[in-house]
PDB file of N, CA and C in Angstrom:
ATOM      1  N   UNK A   1       0.819  -1.193   0.000  1.00  0.00           N
ATOM      2  CA  UNK A   1       0.000   0.000   0.000  1.00  0.00           C
ATOM      3  C   UNK A   1       0.863   1.256   0.000  1.00  0.00           C
ATOM      4  N   UNK A   2       1.995   1.212   0.676  1.00  0.00           N
ATOM      5  CA  UNK A   2       2.881   2.374   0.717  1.00  0.00           C
ATOM      6  C   UNK A   2       3.368   2.734  -0.676  1.00  0.00           C
ATOM      7  N   UNK A   3       3.695   1.728  -1.505  1.00  0.00           N
ATOM      8  CA  UNK A   3       4.169   1.997  -2.858  1.00  0.00           C
ATOM      9  C   UNK A   3       3.125   2.768  -3.649  1.00  0.00           C
ATOM     10  N   UNK A   4       1.862   2.373  -3.513  1.00  0.00           N
ATOM     11  CA  UNK A   4       0.791   3.053  -4.235  1.00  0.00           C
ATOM     12  C   UNK A   4       0.715   4.518  -3.812  1.00  0.00           C
ATOM     13  N   UNK A   5       0.882   4.780  -2.541  1.00  0.00           N
ATOM     14  CA  UNK A   5       0.863   6.146  -2.029  1.00  0.00           C
ATOM     15  C   UNK A   5       2.050   6.936  -2.566  1.00  0.00           C
ATOM     16  N   UNK A   6       3.215   6.338  -2.597  1.00  0.00           N
ATOM     17  CA  UNK A   6       4.404   7.008  -3.120  1.00  0.00           C
ATOM     18  C   UNK A   6       4.243   7.275  -4.611  1.00  0.00           C
ATOM     19  N   UNK A   7       3.668   6.324  -5.337  1.00  0.00           N
ATOM     20  CA  UNK A   7       3.445   6.508  -6.771  1.00  0.00           C
ATOM     21  C   UNK A   7       2.504   7.686  -7.019  1.00  0.00           C
ATOM     22  N   UNK A   8       1.440   7.787  -6.258  1.00  0.00           N
ATOM     23  CA  UNK A   8       0.516   8.915  -6.406  1.00  0.00           C
ATOM     24  C   UNK A   8       1.202  10.231  -6.076  1.00  0.00           C
ATOM     25  N   UNK A   9       2.010  10.232  -5.027  1.00  0.00           N
ATOM     26  CA  UNK A   9       2.746  11.433  -4.642  1.00  0.00           C
ATOM     27  C   UNK A   9       3.696  11.857  -5.764  1.00  0.00           C
ATOM     28  N   UNK A  10       4.415  10.888  -6.346  1.00  0.00           N
ATOM     29  CA  UNK A  10       5.366  11.193  -7.415  1.00  0.00           C
ATOM     30  C   UNK A  10       4.647  11.746  -8.639  1.00  0.00           C
ATOM     31  N   UNK A  11       3.511  11.165  -8.987  1.00  0.00           N
ATOM     32  CA  UNK A  11       2.743  11.659 -10.135  1.00  0.00           C
ATOM     33  C   UNK A  11       2.245  13.074  -9.892  1.00  0.00           C
ATOM     34  N   UNK A  12       1.763  13.339  -8.695  1.00  0.00           N
ATOM     35  CA  UNK A  12       1.266  14.678  -8.365  1.00  0.00           C
ATOM     36  C   UNK A  12       2.409  15.694  -8.442  1.00  0.00           C
ATOM     37  N   UNK A  13       3.549  15.339  -7.903  1.00  0.00           N
ATOM     38  CA  UNK A  13       4.714  16.218  -7.932  1.00  0.00           C
ATOM     39  C   UNK A  13       5.165  16.471  -9.367  1.00  0.00           C
ATOM     40  N   UNK A  14       5.260  15.415 -10.160  1.00  0.00           N
ATOM     41  CA  UNK A  14       5.690  15.522 -11.559  1.00  0.00           C
ATOM     42  C   UNK A  14       4.732  16.396 -12.361  1.00  0.00           C
ATOM     43  N   UNK A  15       3.438  16.150 -12.222  1.00  0.00           N
ATOM     44  CA  UNK A  15       2.450  16.897 -12.987  1.00  0.00           C
ATOM     45  C   UNK A  15       2.311  18.339 -12.519  1.00  0.00           C
ATOM     46  N   UNK A  16       2.845  18.666 -11.350  1.00  0.00           N
ATOM     47  CA  UNK A  16       2.798  20.024 -10.840  1.00  0.00           C
ATOM     48  C   UNK A  16       4.057  20.835 -11.113  1.00  0.00           C
ATOM     49  N   UNK A  17       5.000  20.262 -11.849  1.00  0.00           N
ATOM     50  CA  UNK A  17       6.239  20.984 -12.153  1.00  0.00           C
ATOM     51  C   UNK A  17       5.951  22.257 -12.940  1.00  0.00           C
ATOM     52  N   UNK A  18       6.691  23.308 -12.649  1.00  0.00           N
ATOM     53  CA  UNK A  18       6.532  24.561 -13.380  1.00  0.00           C
ATOM     54  C   UNK A  18       7.052  24.445 -14.805  1.00  0.00           C
ATOM     55  N   UNK A  19       8.025  23.588 -15.015  1.00  0.00           N
ATOM     56  CA  UNK A  19       8.625  23.402 -16.336  1.00  0.00           C
ATOM     57  C   UNK A  19       7.905  22.258 -17.034  1.00  0.00           C
ATOM     58  N   UNK A  20       7.552  22.467 -18.299  1.00  0.00           N
ATOM     59  CA  UNK A  20       6.885  21.424 -19.073  1.00  0.00           C
ATOM     60  C   UNK A  20       7.952  20.589 -19.767  1.00  0.00           C
ATOM     61  N   UNK A  21       8.257  19.442 -19.193  1.00  0.00           N
ATOM     62  CA  UNK A  21       9.334  18.611 -19.730  1.00  0.00           C
ATOM     63  C   UNK A  21       8.982  17.988 -21.074  1.00  0.00           C
ATOM     64  N   UNK A  22       7.718  18.039 -21.456  1.00  0.00           N
ATOM     65  CA  UNK A  22       7.332  17.511 -22.768  1.00  0.00           C
ATOM     66  C   UNK A  22       7.841  18.405 -23.891  1.00  0.00           C
ATOM     67  N   UNK A  23       8.300  19.595 -23.545  1.00  0.00           N
ATOM     68  CA  UNK A  23       8.829  20.512 -24.560  1.00  0.00           C
ATOM     69  C   UNK A  23      10.312  20.295 -24.835  1.00  0.00           C
ATOM     70  N   UNK A  24      10.890  19.281 -24.228  1.00  0.00           N
ATOM     71  CA  UNK A  24      12.290  18.943 -24.483  1.00  0.00           C
ATOM     72  C   UNK A  24      12.445  18.585 -25.958  1.00  0.00           C
ATOM     73  N   UNK A  25      13.403  19.194 -26.616  1.00  0.00           N
ATOM     74  CA  UNK A  25      13.631  18.934 -28.046  1.00  0.00           C
ATOM     75  C   UNK A  25      14.707  17.879 -28.268  1.00  0.00           C
ATOM     76  N   UNK A  26      15.223  17.334 -27.184  1.00  0.00           N
ATOM     77  CA  UNK A  26      16.270  16.313 -27.245  1.00  0.00           C
ATOM     78  C   UNK A  26      17.513  16.807 -27.984  1.00  0.00           C
ATOM     79  N   UNK A  27      17.830  18.083 -27.798  1.00  0.00           N
ATOM     80  CA  UNK A  27      19.001  18.660 -28.464  1.00  0.00           C
ATOM     81  C   UNK A  27      20.306  18.163 -27.845  1.00  0.00           C
ATOM     82  N   UNK A  28      20.243  17.704 -26.591  1.00  0.00           N
ATOM     83  CA  UNK A  28      21.427  17.179 -25.930  1.00  0.00           C
ATOM     84  C   UNK A  28      22.295  18.227 -25.265  1.00  0.00           C
ATOM     85  N   UNK A  29      21.887  19.473 -25.294  1.00  0.00           N
ATOM     86  CA  UNK A  29      22.690  20.550 -24.718  1.00  0.00           C
ATOM     87  C   UNK A  29      22.867  20.402 -23.206  1.00  0.00           C
ATOM     88  N   UNK A  30      21.895  19.832 -22.543  1.00  0.00           N
ATOM     89  CA  UNK A  30      21.938  19.720 -21.083  1.00  0.00           C
ATOM     90  C   UNK A  30      22.883  18.624 -20.586  1.00  0.00           C
ATOM     91  N   UNK A  31      23.004  17.550 -21.341  1.00  0.00           N
ATOM     92  CA  UNK A  31      23.747  16.390 -20.842  1.00  0.00           C
ATOM     93  C   UNK A  31      25.224  16.663 -20.568  1.00  0.00           C
ATOM     94  N   UNK A  32      25.967  17.353 -21.444  1.00  0.00           N
ATOM     95  CA  UNK A  32      27.373  17.612 -21.104  1.00  0.00           C
ATOM     96  C   UNK A  32      27.537  18.597 -19.943  1.00  0.00           C
ATOM     97  N   UNK A  33      26.488  19.358 -19.632  1.00  0.00           N
ATOM     98  CA  UNK A  33      26.544  20.333 -18.542  1.00  0.00           C
ATOM     99  C   UNK A  33      26.219  19.713 -17.191  1.00  0.00           C
ATOM    100  N   UNK A  34      25.665  18.510 -17.198  1.00  0.00           N
ATOM    101  CA  UNK A  34      25.259  17.862 -15.950  1.00  0.00           C
ATOM    102  C   UNK A  34      26.499  17.417 -15.173  1.00  0.00           C
ATOM    103  N   UNK A  35      26.676  17.920 -13.945  1.00  0.00           N
ATOM    104  CA  UNK A  35      27.859  17.540 -13.169  1.00  0.00           C
ATOM    105  C   UNK A  35      27.844  16.072 -12.740  1.00  0.00           C
ATOM    106  N   UNK A  36      26.681  15.431 -12.843  1.00  0.00           N
ATOM    107  CA  UNK A  36      26.559  14.027 -12.444  1.00  0.00           C
ATOM    108  C   UNK A  36      26.586  13.080 -13.639  1.00  0.00           C
ATOM    109  N   UNK A  37      26.734  13.655 -14.847  1.00  0.00           N
ATOM    110  CA  UNK A  37      26.815  12.862 -16.091  1.00  0.00           C
ATOM    111  C   UNK A  37      25.587  11.961 -16.281  1.00  0.00           C
ATOM    112  N   UNK A  38      24.427  12.493 -15.940  1.00  0.00           N
ATOM    113  CA  UNK A  38      23.188  11.732 -16.076  1.00  0.00           C
ATOM    114  C   UNK A  38      22.698  11.737 -17.518  1.00  0.00           C
ATOM    115  N   UNK A  39      22.072  10.654 -17.957  1.00  0.00           N
ATOM    116  CA  UNK A  39      21.462  10.611 -19.289  1.00  0.00           C
ATOM    117  C   UNK A  39      20.096  11.318 -19.233  1.00  0.00           C
ATOM    118  N   UNK A  40      20.127  12.629 -19.203  1.00  0.00           N
ATOM    119  CA  UNK A  40      18.935  13.434 -18.930  1.00  0.00           C
ATOM    120  C   UNK A  40      17.811  13.170 -19.922  1.00  0.00           C
ATOM    121  N   UNK A  41      18.129  13.091 -21.190  1.00  0.00           N
ATOM    122  CA  UNK A  41      17.086  12.909 -22.205  1.00  0.00           C
ATOM    123  C   UNK A  41      16.330  11.606 -21.970  1.00  0.00           C
ATOM    124  N   UNK A  42      17.040  10.520 -21.794  1.00  0.00           N
ATOM    125  CA  UNK A  42      16.355   9.239 -21.581  1.00  0.00           C
ATOM    126  C   UNK A  42      15.631   9.217 -20.238  1.00  0.00           C
ATOM    127  N   UNK A  43      16.162   9.913 -19.242  1.00  0.00           N
ATOM    128  CA  UNK A  43      15.489   9.981 -17.949  1.00  0.00           C
ATOM    129  C   UNK A  43      14.175  10.753 -18.058  1.00  0.00           C
ATOM    130  N   UNK A  44      14.180  11.843 -18.826  1.00  0.00           N
ATOM    131  CA  UNK A  44      12.949  12.607 -19.031  1.00  0.00           C
ATOM    132  C   UNK A  44      11.916  11.785 -19.784  1.00  0.00           C
ATOM    133  N   UNK A  45      12.362  11.046 -20.783  1.00  0.00           N
ATOM    134  CA  UNK A  45      11.442  10.203 -21.550  1.00  0.00           C
ATOM    135  C   UNK A  45      10.807   9.144 -20.650  1.00  0.00           C
ATOM    136  N   UNK A  46      11.615   8.510 -19.813  1.00  0.00           N
ATOM    137  CA  UNK A  46      11.093   7.478 -18.912  1.00  0.00           C
ATOM    138  C   UNK A  46      10.133   8.087 -17.902  1.00  0.00           C
ATOM    139  N   UNK A  47      10.489   9.237 -17.355  1.00  0.00           N
ATOM    140  CA  UNK A  47       9.605   9.899 -16.394  1.00  0.00           C
ATOM    141  C   UNK A  47       8.278  10.253 -17.051  1.00  0.00           C
ATOM    142  N   UNK A  48       8.336  10.726 -18.280  1.00  0.00           N
ATOM    143  CA  UNK A  48       7.109  11.076 -18.993  1.00  0.00           C
ATOM    144  C   UNK A  48       6.222   9.838 -19.162  1.00  0.00           C
ATOM    145  N   UNK A  49       6.813   8.717 -19.516  1.00  0.00           N
ATOM    146  CA  UNK A  49       6.038   7.481 -19.696  1.00  0.00           C
ATOM    147  C   UNK A  49       5.463   6.974 -18.367  1.00  0.00           C
ATOM    148  N   UNK A  50       6.248   7.065 -17.309  1.00  0.00           N
ATOM    149  CA  UNK A  50       5.845   6.500 -16.022  1.00  0.00           C
ATOM    150  C   UNK A  50       4.926   7.406 -15.204  1.00  0.00           C
ATOM    151  N   UNK A  51       5.081   8.719 -15.345  1.00  0.00           N
ATOM    152  CA  UNK A  51       4.421   9.636 -14.414  1.00  0.00           C
ATOM    153  C   UNK A  51       3.369  10.549 -15.027  1.00  0.00           C
ATOM    154  N   UNK A  52       3.202  10.532 -16.313  1.00  0.00           N
ATOM    155  CA  UNK A  52       2.192  11.431 -16.893  1.00  0.00           C
ATOM    156  C   UNK A  52       0.816  11.046 -16.371  1.00  0.00           C
ATOM    157  N   UNK A  53      -0.064  11.978 -16.446  1.00  0.00           N
ATOM    158  CA  UNK A  53      -1.419  11.810 -15.902  1.00  0.00           C
ATOM    159  C   UNK A  53      -2.097  10.595 -16.399  1.00  0.00           C
TER     160      UNK A  53
END
């Protein structure tokens, strides 16, 4: 039951973001700037699939 609550919380948080991540053009400009070397584009795509309304 806790997982379901966390999933709802994550979806609410994601859908309430001020930035619309669906407007990402996948230009790749952000990835070399990330100090953690994260695959930002693929992470945004996965988040969009998992957390959209």
